[in-house]
N, C-alpha and C. Protein backbone atom coordinates (compact mmCIF):
# COMPACT_ATOMS: atom_id res chain seq x y z
N MET A 1 0.85 -1.16 0.00
CA MET A 1 0.00 0.00 0.00
C MET A 1 0.90 1.23 0.00
N PHE A 2 0.53 2.22 -0.79
CA PHE A 2 1.26 3.48 -0.83
C PHE A 2 0.39 4.60 -0.28
N LEU A 3 0.96 5.41 0.58
CA LEU A 3 0.29 6.58 1.10
C LEU A 3 1.04 7.80 0.56
N THR A 4 0.31 8.80 0.10
CA THR A 4 0.96 9.98 -0.45
C THR A 4 0.66 11.19 0.41
N HIS A 5 1.29 12.28 0.13
CA HIS A 5 1.12 13.55 0.85
C HIS A 5 1.63 13.45 2.28
N ASP A 6 2.58 12.57 2.55
CA ASP A 6 3.08 12.39 3.90
C ASP A 6 3.95 13.56 4.33
N SER A 7 3.66 14.10 5.50
CA SER A 7 4.46 15.16 6.09
C SER A 7 3.79 15.59 7.38
N ILE A 8 4.59 16.16 8.28
CA ILE A 8 3.98 16.77 9.47
C ILE A 8 3.72 18.25 9.23
N GLY A 9 4.17 18.76 8.09
CA GLY A 9 3.98 20.17 7.77
C GLY A 9 2.87 20.37 6.75
N VAL A 10 2.52 21.61 6.54
CA VAL A 10 1.51 21.95 5.56
C VAL A 10 2.12 21.77 4.18
N GLY A 11 1.46 21.01 3.33
CA GLY A 11 1.97 20.73 2.00
C GLY A 11 1.57 21.78 0.99
N GLU A 12 1.92 21.51 -0.25
CA GLU A 12 1.64 22.44 -1.33
C GLU A 12 0.14 22.62 -1.55
N ASP A 13 -0.67 21.64 -1.16
CA ASP A 13 -2.12 21.70 -1.37
C ASP A 13 -2.85 22.34 -0.19
N GLY A 14 -2.12 22.80 0.81
CA GLY A 14 -2.75 23.44 1.95
C GLY A 14 -3.02 22.49 3.10
N PRO A 15 -3.71 22.96 4.13
CA PRO A 15 -3.88 22.20 5.36
C PRO A 15 -4.86 21.03 5.27
N THR A 16 -5.50 20.83 4.14
CA THR A 16 -6.44 19.70 4.04
C THR A 16 -5.74 18.40 3.69
N HIS A 17 -4.45 18.44 3.41
CA HIS A 17 -3.72 17.24 3.01
C HIS A 17 -2.59 16.95 3.98
N GLU A 18 -2.94 16.67 5.22
CA GLU A 18 -1.95 16.34 6.24
C GLU A 18 -2.36 15.04 6.94
N PRO A 19 -2.14 13.90 6.30
CA PRO A 19 -2.62 12.63 6.85
C PRO A 19 -1.73 12.06 7.95
N ILE A 20 -1.39 12.89 8.94
CA ILE A 20 -0.47 12.44 9.97
C ILE A 20 -1.05 11.33 10.84
N GLU A 21 -2.38 11.26 10.95
CA GLU A 21 -2.99 10.21 11.78
C GLU A 21 -2.81 8.83 11.16
N HIS A 22 -2.53 8.77 9.86
CA HIS A 22 -2.32 7.48 9.21
C HIS A 22 -1.09 6.76 9.77
N LEU A 23 -0.06 7.52 10.10
CA LEU A 23 1.15 6.90 10.64
C LEU A 23 0.85 6.16 11.93
N ALA A 24 0.17 6.82 12.84
CA ALA A 24 -0.17 6.19 14.12
C ALA A 24 -1.08 4.98 13.91
N MET A 25 -2.04 5.12 13.00
CA MET A 25 -2.97 4.02 12.76
C MET A 25 -2.25 2.79 12.21
N PHE A 26 -1.42 2.97 11.19
CA PHE A 26 -0.75 1.81 10.60
C PHE A 26 0.34 1.25 11.52
N ARG A 27 1.02 2.12 12.28
CA ARG A 27 2.04 1.62 13.20
C ARG A 27 1.42 0.84 14.35
N SER A 28 0.18 1.14 14.70
CA SER A 28 -0.46 0.42 15.80
C SER A 28 -1.23 -0.81 15.31
N THR A 29 -1.31 -1.01 14.00
CA THR A 29 -1.98 -2.18 13.46
C THR A 29 -1.03 -3.38 13.52
N PRO A 30 -1.44 -4.46 14.15
CA PRO A 30 -0.54 -5.62 14.27
C PRO A 30 -0.11 -6.16 12.90
N ASN A 31 1.14 -6.56 12.82
CA ASN A 31 1.72 -7.23 11.66
C ASN A 31 1.79 -6.36 10.40
N VAL A 32 1.73 -5.05 10.53
CA VAL A 32 1.88 -4.16 9.37
C VAL A 32 3.23 -3.46 9.49
N SER A 33 4.01 -3.49 8.43
CA SER A 33 5.29 -2.78 8.40
C SER A 33 5.06 -1.41 7.74
N MET A 34 5.31 -0.36 8.49
CA MET A 34 5.09 1.01 8.03
C MET A 34 6.43 1.64 7.69
N TYR A 35 6.67 1.88 6.41
CA TYR A 35 7.92 2.48 5.95
C TYR A 35 7.71 3.96 5.68
N ARG A 36 8.63 4.76 6.15
CA ARG A 36 8.60 6.21 5.92
C ARG A 36 10.00 6.66 5.51
N PRO A 37 10.37 6.46 4.24
CA PRO A 37 11.73 6.75 3.78
C PRO A 37 11.99 8.26 3.64
N CYS A 38 13.28 8.63 3.77
CA CYS A 38 13.64 10.05 3.76
C CYS A 38 14.09 10.56 2.40
N ASP A 39 14.43 9.68 1.49
CA ASP A 39 14.88 10.12 0.16
C ASP A 39 14.73 8.97 -0.82
N ALA A 40 15.21 9.17 -2.04
CA ALA A 40 15.05 8.15 -3.08
C ALA A 40 15.75 6.84 -2.73
N LYS A 41 16.94 6.93 -2.12
CA LYS A 41 17.67 5.69 -1.77
C LYS A 41 16.92 4.90 -0.69
N GLU A 42 16.47 5.58 0.34
CA GLU A 42 15.70 4.87 1.37
C GLU A 42 14.39 4.33 0.81
N THR A 43 13.79 5.02 -0.14
CA THR A 43 12.58 4.52 -0.78
C THR A 43 12.86 3.21 -1.50
N ALA A 44 13.97 3.14 -2.20
CA ALA A 44 14.35 1.91 -2.90
C ALA A 44 14.57 0.77 -1.90
N TYR A 45 15.24 1.06 -0.79
CA TYR A 45 15.47 0.01 0.21
C TYR A 45 14.16 -0.39 0.89
N ALA A 46 13.26 0.56 1.11
CA ALA A 46 11.95 0.24 1.68
C ALA A 46 11.17 -0.67 0.74
N TRP A 47 11.24 -0.38 -0.54
CA TRP A 47 10.56 -1.20 -1.55
C TRP A 47 11.13 -2.62 -1.56
N ILE A 48 12.45 -2.74 -1.51
CA ILE A 48 13.10 -4.06 -1.47
C ILE A 48 12.64 -4.82 -0.23
N SER A 49 12.67 -4.16 0.90
CA SER A 49 12.27 -4.80 2.16
C SER A 49 10.80 -5.23 2.11
N ALA A 50 9.94 -4.38 1.58
CA ALA A 50 8.51 -4.71 1.49
C ALA A 50 8.28 -5.90 0.56
N LEU A 51 9.01 -5.97 -0.54
CA LEU A 51 8.85 -7.10 -1.46
C LEU A 51 9.33 -8.41 -0.85
N LYS A 52 10.37 -8.34 -0.02
CA LYS A 52 10.88 -9.55 0.64
C LYS A 52 9.96 -10.01 1.75
N ASN A 53 9.18 -9.10 2.30
CA ASN A 53 8.29 -9.39 3.42
C ASN A 53 6.97 -9.93 2.86
N ARG A 54 6.88 -11.23 2.68
CA ARG A 54 5.71 -11.84 2.05
C ARG A 54 4.67 -12.33 3.05
N LYS A 55 4.96 -12.21 4.35
CA LYS A 55 4.04 -12.73 5.35
C LYS A 55 3.09 -11.68 5.92
N THR A 56 3.46 -10.41 5.81
CA THR A 56 2.62 -9.36 6.37
C THR A 56 2.51 -8.19 5.39
N PRO A 57 1.45 -7.38 5.51
CA PRO A 57 1.32 -6.22 4.62
C PRO A 57 2.34 -5.14 4.94
N SER A 58 2.66 -4.35 3.93
CA SER A 58 3.59 -3.23 4.09
C SER A 58 2.95 -1.97 3.54
N CYS A 59 3.25 -0.86 4.19
CA CYS A 59 2.80 0.46 3.73
C CYS A 59 4.02 1.34 3.55
N LEU A 60 4.05 2.08 2.45
CA LEU A 60 5.10 3.07 2.22
C LEU A 60 4.45 4.44 2.24
N ALA A 61 4.85 5.28 3.17
CA ALA A 61 4.34 6.64 3.26
C ALA A 61 5.32 7.55 2.54
N LEU A 62 4.88 8.10 1.42
CA LEU A 62 5.73 8.93 0.58
C LEU A 62 5.21 10.36 0.57
N THR A 63 6.10 11.29 0.30
CA THR A 63 5.73 12.69 0.28
C THR A 63 5.82 13.26 -1.13
N ARG A 64 5.13 14.35 -1.34
CA ARG A 64 5.23 15.05 -2.62
C ARG A 64 6.25 16.18 -2.54
N GLN A 65 6.80 16.39 -1.34
CA GLN A 65 7.77 17.46 -1.16
C GLN A 65 9.06 17.15 -1.92
N LYS A 66 9.77 18.18 -2.29
CA LYS A 66 11.08 18.01 -2.92
C LYS A 66 12.09 17.71 -1.82
N LEU A 67 12.60 16.49 -1.80
CA LEU A 67 13.54 16.08 -0.77
C LEU A 67 14.95 16.02 -1.34
N THR A 68 15.91 16.33 -0.49
CA THR A 68 17.31 16.21 -0.87
C THR A 68 17.74 14.76 -0.69
N ASN A 69 18.42 14.22 -1.68
CA ASN A 69 19.02 12.89 -1.52
C ASN A 69 20.28 13.05 -0.68
N LEU A 70 20.26 12.46 0.48
CA LEU A 70 21.39 12.59 1.40
C LEU A 70 22.49 11.59 1.04
N GLU A 71 23.70 12.06 1.05
CA GLU A 71 24.85 11.22 0.72
C GLU A 71 24.97 10.04 1.68
N GLU A 72 24.58 10.25 2.93
CA GLU A 72 24.80 9.25 3.98
C GLU A 72 23.77 8.11 3.99
N THR A 73 22.64 8.25 3.32
CA THR A 73 21.66 7.15 3.35
C THR A 73 22.28 5.93 2.68
N SER A 74 21.93 4.75 3.21
CA SER A 74 22.59 3.54 2.73
C SER A 74 21.70 2.32 2.93
N SER A 75 22.24 1.18 2.61
CA SER A 75 21.52 -0.08 2.78
C SER A 75 21.26 -0.39 4.25
N GLU A 76 21.85 0.37 5.15
CA GLU A 76 21.55 0.22 6.58
C GLU A 76 20.06 0.45 6.84
N ALA A 77 19.39 1.13 5.92
CA ALA A 77 17.95 1.38 6.04
C ALA A 77 17.18 0.07 6.12
N LEU A 78 17.74 -1.00 5.57
CA LEU A 78 17.08 -2.31 5.62
C LEU A 78 16.93 -2.82 7.05
N LYS A 79 17.71 -2.28 7.98
CA LYS A 79 17.61 -2.65 9.40
C LYS A 79 16.43 -1.97 10.08
N GLY A 80 15.82 -1.00 9.40
CA GLY A 80 14.70 -0.28 9.98
C GLY A 80 15.09 1.04 10.59
N GLY A 81 16.25 1.12 11.19
CA GLY A 81 16.76 2.34 11.79
C GLY A 81 18.27 2.26 11.87
N TYR A 82 18.92 3.39 11.66
CA TYR A 82 20.38 3.38 11.64
C TYR A 82 20.92 4.78 11.89
N VAL A 83 22.18 4.84 12.30
CA VAL A 83 22.85 6.12 12.49
C VAL A 83 23.16 6.67 11.11
N LEU A 84 22.54 7.78 10.78
CA LEU A 84 22.78 8.41 9.49
C LEU A 84 24.10 9.17 9.52
N LYS A 85 24.32 9.93 10.60
CA LYS A 85 25.56 10.70 10.69
C LYS A 85 25.77 11.20 12.11
N ASP A 86 27.03 11.21 12.53
CA ASP A 86 27.43 11.86 13.78
C ASP A 86 27.95 13.24 13.43
N PHE A 87 27.41 14.24 14.06
CA PHE A 87 27.84 15.61 13.87
C PHE A 87 28.70 15.98 15.07
N GLY A 88 30.01 15.89 14.93
CA GLY A 88 30.93 16.13 16.03
C GLY A 88 31.25 14.83 16.75
N LYS A 89 32.02 14.97 17.83
CA LYS A 89 32.41 13.81 18.63
C LYS A 89 31.70 13.86 19.97
N ASP A 90 31.59 12.70 20.60
CA ASP A 90 30.97 12.60 21.93
C ASP A 90 29.62 13.33 21.96
N PHE A 91 28.69 12.84 21.15
CA PHE A 91 27.40 13.50 21.01
C PHE A 91 26.67 13.63 22.33
N GLU A 92 25.96 14.74 22.47
CA GLU A 92 25.20 15.04 23.68
C GLU A 92 23.74 14.63 23.55
N MET A 93 23.28 14.49 22.32
CA MET A 93 21.89 14.12 22.10
C MET A 93 21.76 13.37 20.79
N ILE A 94 20.65 12.69 20.67
CA ILE A 94 20.32 11.99 19.44
C ILE A 94 19.05 12.63 18.89
N ILE A 95 19.09 12.97 17.62
CA ILE A 95 17.89 13.44 16.95
C ILE A 95 17.48 12.33 15.99
N MET A 96 16.27 11.85 16.17
CA MET A 96 15.77 10.77 15.35
C MET A 96 14.61 11.27 14.52
N ALA A 97 14.60 10.88 13.26
CA ALA A 97 13.53 11.33 12.38
C ALA A 97 13.24 10.25 11.35
N SER A 98 12.11 10.42 10.68
CA SER A 98 11.77 9.54 9.57
C SER A 98 11.12 10.37 8.48
N GLY A 99 11.11 9.84 7.28
CA GLY A 99 10.45 10.52 6.17
C GLY A 99 11.03 11.87 5.86
N SER A 100 10.15 12.79 5.48
CA SER A 100 10.58 14.11 5.04
C SER A 100 11.23 14.93 6.15
N GLU A 101 11.06 14.54 7.40
CA GLU A 101 11.66 15.28 8.50
C GLU A 101 13.15 14.99 8.68
N VAL A 102 13.68 13.96 8.04
CA VAL A 102 15.11 13.65 8.16
C VAL A 102 15.95 14.81 7.60
N GLY A 103 15.57 15.35 6.45
CA GLY A 103 16.30 16.48 5.88
C GLY A 103 16.28 17.68 6.80
N LEU A 104 15.14 17.94 7.43
CA LEU A 104 15.04 19.05 8.39
C LEU A 104 15.93 18.77 9.60
N ALA A 105 15.90 17.55 10.10
CA ALA A 105 16.73 17.17 11.25
C ALA A 105 18.22 17.31 10.91
N TYR A 106 18.58 16.99 9.68
CA TYR A 106 19.97 17.12 9.22
C TYR A 106 20.42 18.58 9.34
N LYS A 107 19.57 19.49 8.90
CA LYS A 107 19.89 20.92 8.99
C LYS A 107 19.99 21.38 10.44
N VAL A 108 19.13 20.85 11.29
CA VAL A 108 19.18 21.19 12.72
C VAL A 108 20.51 20.73 13.31
N CYS A 109 20.95 19.53 12.96
CA CYS A 109 22.22 19.00 13.46
C CYS A 109 23.39 19.87 13.01
N GLU A 110 23.34 20.34 11.77
CA GLU A 110 24.40 21.23 11.27
C GLU A 110 24.43 22.53 12.08
N LYS A 111 23.26 23.10 12.37
CA LYS A 111 23.19 24.33 13.16
C LYS A 111 23.69 24.11 14.58
N LEU A 112 23.32 22.98 15.16
CA LEU A 112 23.78 22.68 16.52
C LEU A 112 25.30 22.53 16.56
N LEU A 113 25.88 21.92 15.54
CA LEU A 113 27.33 21.77 15.48
C LEU A 113 28.01 23.13 15.41
N GLU A 114 27.40 24.08 14.70
CA GLU A 114 27.94 25.45 14.65
C GLU A 114 27.97 26.06 16.05
N GLU A 115 27.07 25.61 16.93
CA GLU A 115 27.01 26.08 18.32
C GLU A 115 27.81 25.15 19.25
N ASN A 116 28.64 24.29 18.68
CA ASN A 116 29.48 23.33 19.43
C ASN A 116 28.66 22.31 20.22
N ILE A 117 27.51 21.94 19.69
CA ILE A 117 26.70 20.90 20.31
C ILE A 117 26.73 19.70 19.36
N SER A 118 27.35 18.63 19.82
CA SER A 118 27.49 17.42 19.00
C SER A 118 26.22 16.60 19.08
N THR A 119 25.77 16.10 17.94
CA THR A 119 24.55 15.30 17.89
C THR A 119 24.76 14.08 17.00
N ARG A 120 23.92 13.12 17.21
CA ARG A 120 23.85 11.94 16.34
C ARG A 120 22.49 11.98 15.67
N LEU A 121 22.47 11.81 14.36
CA LEU A 121 21.21 11.77 13.62
C LEU A 121 20.89 10.33 13.26
N VAL A 122 19.72 9.89 13.68
CA VAL A 122 19.25 8.54 13.39
C VAL A 122 18.06 8.63 12.44
N SER A 123 18.13 7.89 11.35
CA SER A 123 17.00 7.77 10.44
C SER A 123 16.26 6.49 10.79
N MET A 124 14.95 6.58 10.93
CA MET A 124 14.13 5.44 11.34
C MET A 124 13.04 5.21 10.30
N PRO A 125 13.40 4.64 9.13
CA PRO A 125 12.38 4.45 8.10
C PRO A 125 11.32 3.41 8.44
N CYS A 126 11.63 2.42 9.28
CA CYS A 126 10.63 1.40 9.61
C CYS A 126 10.86 0.84 11.01
N MET A 127 10.04 1.28 11.95
CA MET A 127 10.16 0.83 13.34
C MET A 127 9.95 -0.67 13.45
N GLU A 128 9.06 -1.23 12.65
CA GLU A 128 8.78 -2.67 12.74
C GLU A 128 10.01 -3.50 12.34
N GLU A 129 10.73 -3.08 11.30
CA GLU A 129 11.97 -3.77 10.92
C GLU A 129 13.02 -3.59 11.99
N PHE A 130 13.09 -2.41 12.56
CA PHE A 130 14.03 -2.13 13.64
C PHE A 130 13.80 -3.08 14.81
N GLU A 131 12.53 -3.23 15.20
CA GLU A 131 12.19 -4.12 16.31
C GLU A 131 12.44 -5.59 15.95
N LYS A 132 12.14 -5.96 14.72
CA LYS A 132 12.34 -7.33 14.26
C LYS A 132 13.82 -7.73 14.30
N ASN A 133 14.67 -6.80 13.96
CA ASN A 133 16.11 -7.06 13.95
C ASN A 133 16.74 -6.93 15.33
N LYS A 134 15.93 -6.55 16.29
CA LYS A 134 16.39 -6.41 17.67
C LYS A 134 17.67 -5.58 17.76
N VAL A 135 17.67 -4.49 17.02
CA VAL A 135 18.80 -3.58 17.07
C VAL A 135 18.73 -2.82 18.38
N LYS A 136 19.71 -3.00 19.21
CA LYS A 136 19.68 -2.37 20.52
C LYS A 136 20.88 -1.46 20.70
N ASN A 137 21.17 -0.68 19.69
CA ASN A 137 22.32 0.21 19.76
C ASN A 137 21.94 1.58 20.31
N ILE A 138 20.78 1.69 20.89
CA ILE A 138 20.34 2.96 21.46
C ILE A 138 20.20 2.77 22.97
N LYS A 139 21.25 2.31 23.60
CA LYS A 139 21.17 1.97 25.02
C LYS A 139 21.26 3.17 25.94
N LYS A 140 22.32 3.95 25.86
CA LYS A 140 22.51 5.04 26.82
C LYS A 140 22.38 6.36 26.11
N LEU A 141 21.21 6.92 26.16
CA LEU A 141 20.94 8.21 25.54
C LEU A 141 20.85 9.26 26.64
N TYR A 142 21.32 10.43 26.32
CA TYR A 142 21.13 11.54 27.23
C TYR A 142 19.84 12.28 26.85
N TYR A 143 19.71 12.61 25.60
CA TYR A 143 18.49 13.24 25.11
C TYR A 143 18.17 12.68 23.74
N LEU A 144 16.93 12.37 23.51
CA LEU A 144 16.46 11.92 22.20
C LEU A 144 15.34 12.85 21.79
N ILE A 145 15.47 13.43 20.60
CA ILE A 145 14.47 14.36 20.11
C ILE A 145 13.89 13.79 18.83
N THR A 146 12.56 13.75 18.73
CA THR A 146 11.90 13.25 17.54
C THR A 146 10.60 14.01 17.33
N SER A 147 10.11 13.98 16.10
CA SER A 147 8.85 14.66 15.79
C SER A 147 7.66 13.71 15.83
N GLU A 148 7.91 12.43 16.10
CA GLU A 148 6.83 11.46 16.09
C GLU A 148 6.67 10.78 17.44
N ARG A 149 5.53 10.94 18.03
CA ARG A 149 5.23 10.37 19.34
C ARG A 149 5.36 8.85 19.35
N GLU A 150 4.88 8.18 18.30
CA GLU A 150 4.90 6.72 18.28
C GLU A 150 6.33 6.17 18.31
N LEU A 151 7.26 6.87 17.66
CA LEU A 151 8.65 6.42 17.66
C LEU A 151 9.22 6.47 19.07
N VAL A 152 8.89 7.51 19.82
CA VAL A 152 9.38 7.63 21.19
C VAL A 152 8.84 6.50 22.06
N LEU A 153 7.54 6.25 21.96
CA LEU A 153 6.94 5.22 22.80
C LEU A 153 7.56 3.85 22.54
N LYS A 154 7.79 3.52 21.28
CA LYS A 154 8.38 2.22 20.96
C LYS A 154 9.87 2.18 21.29
N LEU A 155 10.57 3.27 21.09
CA LEU A 155 12.01 3.28 21.35
C LEU A 155 12.34 3.25 22.83
N TYR A 156 11.45 3.75 23.67
CA TYR A 156 11.74 3.80 25.09
C TYR A 156 12.07 2.41 25.64
N GLN A 157 11.43 1.39 25.08
CA GLN A 157 11.71 0.03 25.55
C GLN A 157 13.11 -0.44 25.18
N HIS A 158 13.78 0.24 24.24
CA HIS A 158 15.14 -0.13 23.82
C HIS A 158 16.21 0.69 24.53
N SER A 159 15.80 1.62 25.40
CA SER A 159 16.77 2.49 26.03
C SER A 159 16.82 2.23 27.52
N ASP A 160 17.79 2.82 28.17
CA ASP A 160 17.92 2.72 29.62
C ASP A 160 17.37 3.96 30.31
N GLY A 161 16.10 4.26 30.02
CA GLY A 161 15.46 5.40 30.67
C GLY A 161 15.93 6.74 30.16
N ALA A 162 16.03 6.90 28.87
CA ALA A 162 16.51 8.15 28.27
C ALA A 162 15.51 9.28 28.46
N ASN A 163 16.02 10.48 28.44
CA ASN A 163 15.16 11.67 28.41
C ASN A 163 14.74 11.87 26.98
N MET A 164 13.45 11.84 26.72
CA MET A 164 12.97 11.93 25.35
C MET A 164 12.03 13.11 25.20
N LEU A 165 12.18 13.82 24.10
CA LEU A 165 11.39 15.00 23.82
C LEU A 165 10.75 14.85 22.47
N VAL A 166 9.44 15.07 22.39
CA VAL A 166 8.72 15.01 21.12
C VAL A 166 8.49 16.42 20.63
């Protein structure tokens, strides 16, 4: 299944095309893999993963916004979530995003680095794949910032009591 007009912001068609409730609905539906890729490369990996997943339905939430193809996106997207880039050393916080918000989060990380605040940017195209792979590399977080409430609720079980901000 493909969902279009995905974004947390107002799109080109105005405020009537903001299907943000679809993300929560599909993520809370048992056995559904909800993919929210950040660029063309992640979209290709999401498509590959969805085609390989023959036992459960998959949804790809795509946007009509003009997105930048990030150099750092990679096949790591097949894990469901991965470190896109560390901005500086000894990061103080993790910013996690999915879909069209990854590009915005990337810019935020660049601005924070200009202020000498090191961050790690995590792209989370598919929480269900992340959980399936039991990736537990998010153990000791100081601060985790995300724009999606559902990602925080699911990720909290993978952390050691991190401070999380939506």
